[in-house]
């Protein structure tokens, strides 16, 4: 699936990934390839990009939203820093 992480200032990440773990308002959840359409609010916390089943990259994010549509996840957050 395609993943984009955007802040008001810049594009943090764009590329093909296995999945992504996100800090939802009600708790941590994961979006994988061919996930059903979804819009969710995000709280500040750790976002983990699953490059494949073994390799991951983590970011510390501020609050925001995620939209999943047509095998693409777009994460819009106030700020993000690589961990």
C-alpha atoms as a PDB file:
ATOM      1  CA  UNK A   1       0.000   0.000   0.000  1.00  0.00           C
ATOM      2  CA  UNK A   2       1.037   3.614  -0.471  1.00  0.00           C
ATOM      3  CA  UNK A   3       1.663   5.754   2.636  1.00  0.00           C
ATOM      4  CA  UNK A   4       2.055   9.525   2.893  1.00  0.00           C
ATOM      5  CA  UNK A   5       2.770  11.417   6.124  1.00  0.00           C
ATOM      6  CA  UNK A   6       2.229  15.170   5.845  1.00  0.00           C
ATOM      7  CA  UNK A   7       2.611  18.134   8.214  1.00  0.00           C
ATOM      8  CA  UNK A   8       1.642  21.746   7.453  1.00  0.00           C
ATOM      9  CA  UNK A   9       5.324  22.446   6.701  1.00  0.00           C
ATOM     10  CA  UNK A  10       6.483  19.402   4.711  1.00  0.00           C
ATOM     11  CA  UNK A  11       6.032  15.867   3.452  1.00  0.00           C
ATOM     12  CA  UNK A  12       7.664  13.567   6.048  1.00  0.00           C
ATOM     13  CA  UNK A  13       7.301  10.256   4.214  1.00  0.00           C
ATOM     14  CA  UNK A  14       5.979   8.931   0.918  1.00  0.00           C
ATOM     15  CA  UNK A  15       6.351   5.392  -0.350  1.00  0.00           C
ATOM     16  CA  UNK A  16       5.110   1.831  -0.570  1.00  0.00           C
ATOM     17  CA  UNK A  17       4.867  -0.026   2.746  1.00  0.00           C
ATOM     18  CA  UNK A  18       3.545  -3.282   4.207  1.00  0.00           C
ATOM     19  CA  UNK A  19       1.455  -1.380   6.787  1.00  0.00           C
ATOM     20  CA  UNK A  20       1.379   1.307   9.451  1.00  0.00           C
ATOM     21  CA  UNK A  21       0.585   1.363  13.199  1.00  0.00           C
ATOM     22  CA  UNK A  22      -1.166   4.513  14.394  1.00  0.00           C
ATOM     23  CA  UNK A  23      -2.102   6.030  17.798  1.00  0.00           C
ATOM     24  CA  UNK A  24      -5.880   6.430  17.489  1.00  0.00           C
ATOM     25  CA  UNK A  25      -7.951   8.371  20.002  1.00  0.00           C
ATOM     26  CA  UNK A  26      -9.289   5.092  21.450  1.00  0.00           C
ATOM     27  CA  UNK A  27      -5.998   3.199  21.181  1.00  0.00           C
ATOM     28  CA  UNK A  28      -3.357   1.829  18.855  1.00  0.00           C
ATOM     29  CA  UNK A  29      -4.512   0.344  15.532  1.00  0.00           C
ATOM     30  CA  UNK A  30      -2.887  -1.007  12.383  1.00  0.00           C
ATOM     31  CA  UNK A  31      -3.654  -0.494   8.700  1.00  0.00           C
ATOM     32  CA  UNK A  32      -2.414  -3.137   6.266  1.00  0.00           C
ATOM     33  CA  UNK A  33      -2.553  -3.679   2.491  1.00  0.00           C
ATOM     34  CA  UNK A  34      -6.065  -3.462   0.974  1.00  0.00           C
ATOM     35  CA  UNK A  35      -7.645  -2.118   4.204  1.00  0.00           C
ATOM     36  CA  UNK A  36     -11.269  -0.982   4.059  1.00  0.00           C
ATOM     37  CA  UNK A  37     -11.863   2.785   3.666  1.00  0.00           C
ATOM     38  CA  UNK A  38     -11.393   4.608   6.970  1.00  0.00           C
ATOM     39  CA  UNK A  39     -11.085   8.085   8.487  1.00  0.00           C
ATOM     40  CA  UNK A  40      -9.831   8.369  12.069  1.00  0.00           C
ATOM     41  CA  UNK A  41      -8.570  11.012  14.485  1.00  0.00           C
ATOM     42  CA  UNK A  42      -5.071  10.490  15.882  1.00  0.00           C
ATOM     43  CA  UNK A  43      -3.619  11.520  19.233  1.00  0.00           C
ATOM     44  CA  UNK A  44       0.006  12.348  19.960  1.00  0.00           C
ATOM     45  CA  UNK A  45       2.124   9.213  20.159  1.00  0.00           C
ATOM     46  CA  UNK A  46       4.262   6.816  18.157  1.00  0.00           C
ATOM     47  CA  UNK A  47       3.572   5.999  14.516  1.00  0.00           C
ATOM     48  CA  UNK A  48       5.338   2.898  13.220  1.00  0.00           C
ATOM     49  CA  UNK A  49       5.869   2.297   9.500  1.00  0.00           C
ATOM     50  CA  UNK A  50       6.038  -1.406   8.665  1.00  0.00           C
ATOM     51  CA  UNK A  51       8.409  -1.523   5.673  1.00  0.00           C
ATOM     52  CA  UNK A  52       7.892  -5.314   5.544  1.00  0.00           C
ATOM     53  CA  UNK A  53       7.116  -7.994   8.144  1.00  0.00           C
ATOM     54  CA  UNK A  54      10.461  -7.365   9.928  1.00  0.00           C
ATOM     55  CA  UNK A  55      11.796  -3.820   9.254  1.00  0.00           C
ATOM     56  CA  UNK A  56      10.122  -0.770  10.822  1.00  0.00           C
ATOM     57  CA  UNK A  57      10.638   2.987  11.056  1.00  0.00           C
ATOM     58  CA  UNK A  58       9.152   5.046  13.904  1.00  0.00           C
ATOM     59  CA  UNK A  59       8.028   8.655  14.202  1.00  0.00           C
ATOM     60  CA  UNK A  60       6.796  10.606  17.188  1.00  0.00           C
ATOM     61  CA  UNK A  61       3.699  12.469  15.987  1.00  0.00           C
ATOM     62  CA  UNK A  62       1.402  15.175  17.262  1.00  0.00           C
ATOM     63  CA  UNK A  63      -2.369  14.925  16.850  1.00  0.00           C
ATOM     64  CA  UNK A  64      -4.005  14.699  13.450  1.00  0.00           C
ATOM     65  CA  UNK A  65      -6.039  12.470  11.138  1.00  0.00           C
ATOM     66  CA  UNK A  66      -5.604   9.466   8.852  1.00  0.00           C
ATOM     67  CA  UNK A  67      -7.585   8.667   5.704  1.00  0.00           C
ATOM     68  CA  UNK A  68      -7.417   5.224   4.087  1.00  0.00           C
ATOM     69  CA  UNK A  69      -8.867   4.970   0.582  1.00  0.00           C
ATOM     70  CA  UNK A  70      -8.022   2.887  -2.503  1.00  0.00           C
ATOM     71  CA  UNK A  71      -5.032   1.177  -0.863  1.00  0.00           C
ATOM     72  CA  UNK A  72      -3.483   4.530   0.121  1.00  0.00           C
ATOM     73  CA  UNK A  73      -3.117   5.853   3.679  1.00  0.00           C
ATOM     74  CA  UNK A  74      -2.703   9.615   4.085  1.00  0.00           C
ATOM     75  CA  UNK A  75      -1.643  10.785   7.552  1.00  0.00           C
ATOM     76  CA  UNK A  76      -2.103  14.503   8.286  1.00  0.00           C
ATOM     77  CA  UNK A  77      -0.469  15.600  11.554  1.00  0.00           C
ATOM     78  CA  UNK A  78       0.549  18.842  13.261  1.00  0.00           C
ATOM     79  CA  UNK A  79       4.153  17.671  13.557  1.00  0.00           C
ATOM     80  CA  UNK A  80       6.368  14.592  13.357  1.00  0.00           C
ATOM     81  CA  UNK A  81       9.948  13.669  14.304  1.00  0.00           C
ATOM     82  CA  UNK A  82      11.891  10.545  13.379  1.00  0.00           C
ATOM     83  CA  UNK A  83      12.768   8.395  16.382  1.00  0.00           C
END
